[in-house]
Protein backbone atom coordinates (compact mmCIF):
# COMPACT_ATOMS: atom_id res chain seq x y z
CA UNK A 1 116.97 -126.01 8.97
CA UNK A 2 115.51 -127.14 5.67
CA UNK A 3 112.04 -126.79 7.11
CA UNK A 4 112.77 -123.19 8.13
CA UNK A 5 114.24 -122.47 4.71
CA UNK A 6 111.30 -124.16 2.92
CA UNK A 7 108.62 -122.48 5.08
CA UNK A 8 110.21 -119.01 5.11
CA UNK A 9 108.50 -117.88 1.84
CA UNK A 10 105.18 -118.84 3.39
CA UNK A 11 105.81 -116.84 6.55
CA UNK A 12 107.29 -113.90 4.60
CA UNK A 13 104.19 -113.92 2.38
CA UNK A 14 101.93 -114.06 5.44
CA UNK A 15 103.76 -111.18 7.09
CA UNK A 16 103.69 -109.22 3.81
CA UNK A 17 99.94 -109.85 3.49
CA UNK A 18 99.36 -108.64 7.07
CA UNK A 19 101.55 -105.57 6.45
CA UNK A 20 99.76 -104.92 3.13
CA UNK A 21 96.37 -105.17 4.80
CA UNK A 22 97.48 -102.73 7.49
CA UNK A 23 98.80 -100.39 4.78
CA UNK A 24 95.44 -100.66 2.92
CA UNK A 25 93.59 -99.88 6.15
CA UNK A 26 95.83 -96.87 6.77
CA UNK A 27 95.29 -95.61 3.20
CA UNK A 28 91.53 -96.09 3.54
CA UNK A 29 91.57 -94.35 6.93
CA UNK A 30 93.63 -91.48 5.46
CA UNK A 31 91.22 -91.15 2.52
CA UNK A 32 88.22 -91.16 4.88
CA UNK A 33 89.83 -88.51 7.07
CA UNK A 34 90.69 -86.38 4.01
CA UNK A 35 87.09 -86.67 2.71
CA UNK A 36 85.74 -85.66 6.14
CA UNK A 37 88.20 -82.78 6.28
CA UNK A 38 86.97 -81.54 2.88
CA UNK A 39 83.34 -81.90 4.01
CA UNK A 40 84.08 -79.94 7.18
CA UNK A 41 85.85 -77.22 5.16
CA UNK A 42 82.89 -77.04 2.78
CA UNK A 43 80.48 -76.83 5.72
CA UNK A 44 82.61 -74.11 7.34
CA UNK A 45 82.65 -72.08 4.12
CA UNK A 46 78.89 -72.55 3.77
CA UNK A 47 78.34 -71.36 7.32
CA UNK A 48 80.60 -68.35 6.79
CA UNK A 49 78.63 -67.46 3.67
CA UNK A 50 75.33 -67.79 5.56
CA UNK A 51 76.69 -65.60 8.37
CA UNK A 52 77.70 -62.94 5.83
CA UNK A 53 74.27 -63.14 4.19
CA UNK A 54 72.55 -62.78 7.56
CA UNK A 55 74.82 -59.89 8.45
CA UNK A 56 74.00 -58.22 5.15
CA UNK A 57 70.27 -58.81 5.74
CA UNK A 58 70.57 -57.31 9.22
CA UNK A 59 72.48 -54.30 7.90
CA UNK A 60 69.83 -53.77 5.22
CA UNK A 61 67.05 -54.10 7.81
CA UNK A 62 68.85 -51.68 10.13
CA UNK A 63 69.23 -49.12 7.37
CA UNK A 64 65.58 -49.53 6.44
CA UNK A 65 64.54 -49.11 10.08
CA UNK A 66 66.72 -46.03 10.42
CA UNK A 67 65.15 -44.60 7.26
CA UNK A 68 61.67 -45.27 8.58
CA UNK A 69 62.60 -43.69 11.90
CA UNK A 70 63.85 -40.59 10.06
CA UNK A 71 60.63 -40.51 8.01
CA UNK A 72 58.52 -40.78 11.17
CA UNK A 73 60.54 -38.05 12.83
CA UNK A 74 60.09 -35.88 9.75
CA UNK A 75 56.35 -36.56 9.74
CA UNK A 76 56.20 -35.65 13.41
CA UNK A 77 58.05 -32.39 12.76
CA UNK A 78 55.83 -31.62 9.78
CA UNK A 79 52.73 -32.32 11.86
CA UNK A 80 53.93 -29.95 14.56
CA UNK A 81 54.67 -27.19 12.02
CA UNK A 82 51.42 -27.76 10.14
CA UNK A 83 49.29 -27.81 13.27
CA UNK A 84 50.53 -24.34 14.17
CA UNK A 85 49.09 -22.82 10.95
CA UNK A 86 45.34 -22.35 10.49
CA UNK A 87 45.06 -20.51 7.15
CA UNK A 88 44.72 -22.85 4.15
CA UNK A 89 46.31 -20.37 1.71
CA UNK A 90 49.48 -20.49 3.86
CA UNK A 91 49.16 -24.10 5.07
CA UNK A 92 48.89 -25.91 1.70
CA UNK A 93 51.99 -24.31 0.08
CA UNK A 94 53.86 -24.88 3.35
CA UNK A 95 52.96 -28.59 3.25
CA UNK A 96 54.08 -29.02 -0.38
CA UNK A 97 57.37 -27.22 0.28
CA UNK A 98 58.16 -29.12 3.48
CA UNK A 99 57.18 -32.54 2.09
CA UNK A 100 59.30 -31.92 -1.00
CA UNK A 101 62.31 -30.69 1.02
CA UNK A 102 62.18 -33.30 3.79
CA UNK A 103 61.44 -36.35 1.61
CA UNK A 104 63.43 -35.28 -1.45
CA UNK A 105 60.54 -35.13 -3.95
CA UNK A 106 61.07 -32.94 -7.01
CA UNK A 107 57.34 -32.15 -7.15
CA UNK A 108 54.60 -32.16 -4.54
CA UNK A 109 51.06 -31.05 -5.25
CA UNK A 110 47.83 -30.88 -3.29
CA UNK A 111 44.50 -31.28 -5.06
CA UNK A 112 41.10 -30.66 -3.51
CA UNK A 113 37.85 -31.95 -4.99
CA UNK A 114 35.34 -29.28 -6.03
CA UNK A 115 31.75 -29.07 -4.69
CA UNK A 116 30.23 -30.92 -7.68
CA UNK A 117 32.77 -33.75 -7.21
CA UNK A 118 33.59 -33.48 -10.92
CA UNK A 119 37.14 -32.08 -10.72
CA UNK A 120 40.26 -32.31 -8.54
CA UNK A 121 41.69 -28.79 -8.50
CA UNK A 122 45.36 -28.11 -7.82
CA UNK A 123 45.60 -25.93 -4.72
CA UNK A 124 49.33 -25.92 -3.96
CA UNK A 125 52.57 -27.10 -5.58
CA UNK A 126 56.26 -26.58 -4.95
CA UNK A 127 57.92 -27.15 -8.35
CA UNK A 128 58.22 -24.72 -11.25
CA UNK A 129 55.89 -26.90 -13.33
CA UNK A 130 53.46 -27.00 -10.42
CA UNK A 131 53.52 -23.22 -10.15
CA UNK A 132 52.71 -22.95 -13.89
CA UNK A 133 49.79 -25.34 -13.36
CA UNK A 134 48.58 -23.22 -10.43
CA UNK A 135 48.75 -20.07 -12.56
CA UNK A 136 46.44 -21.63 -15.15
CA UNK A 137 44.09 -23.13 -12.49
CA UNK A 138 45.00 -26.71 -13.34
CA UNK A 139 42.28 -29.26 -12.67
CA UNK A 140 41.77 -32.91 -13.45
CA UNK A 141 38.49 -34.63 -14.14
CA UNK A 142 37.65 -37.16 -11.45
CA UNK A 143 38.46 -40.65 -12.69
CA UNK A 144 41.12 -39.63 -15.27
CA UNK A 145 44.83 -39.91 -14.57
CA UNK A 146 46.46 -41.02 -11.35
CA UNK A 147 45.13 -38.06 -9.32
CA UNK A 148 41.65 -38.54 -10.82
CA UNK A 149 41.73 -42.25 -10.01
CA UNK A 150 42.72 -41.60 -6.39
CA UNK A 151 40.12 -38.83 -6.10
CA UNK A 152 37.39 -41.14 -7.41
CA UNK A 153 38.26 -44.28 -5.42
CA UNK A 154 39.78 -42.79 -2.26
CA UNK A 155 42.49 -45.45 -2.52
CA UNK A 156 46.21 -44.76 -2.80
CA UNK A 157 48.02 -45.60 -6.02
CA UNK A 158 51.75 -46.10 -6.40
CA UNK A 159 53.19 -45.73 -9.90
CA UNK A 160 56.89 -46.51 -10.07
CA UNK A 161 56.94 -45.53 -13.75
CA UNK A 162 54.06 -43.22 -14.62
CA UNK A 163 54.84 -43.59 -18.33
CA UNK A 164 53.67 -47.21 -18.27
CA UNK A 165 50.93 -46.78 -15.65
CA UNK A 166 47.46 -47.33 -17.12
CA UNK A 167 46.07 -44.33 -15.21
CA UNK A 168 48.81 -41.97 -16.32
CA UNK A 169 47.73 -38.61 -17.71
CA UNK A 170 50.46 -36.84 -19.67
CA UNK A 171 51.03 -33.31 -18.41
CA UNK A 172 53.70 -31.12 -20.03
CA UNK A 173 54.40 -29.39 -16.68
């Protein structure tokens, strides 16, 4: 009996140590599972964000494709209308009006280069300013301004802000 009483603290300590180790393992396992749960949640949120970004990209691409399709349809319609007219004095104003209306441009003008290849002469325009330029036989020297640059090089030029474009020619109309 004395031996049992004397050895009981040892066995109680051993059992407590085993129970403590199990408790430590459970805590560590719980912490590992919680960390993995947080990682999975973070990955899920990241995937949801990527899906939304892709969806947004697809929507933007769809809208752009629809816009291009409308533009191509408009070009086709314009081509059909234009091909039915043979007289330049009717055809050029028709083109400027239709291009302006269908594509939403406030001003559309058509210049033709003269025989000496020195000037680009305005032949048709749809805006009020363009009509004033037509009335005064507006012309641009080849090589000056955006129209002159395009006339000289035969290459297109896009100016998103003509005020800062190096080829810009200030015209009050």
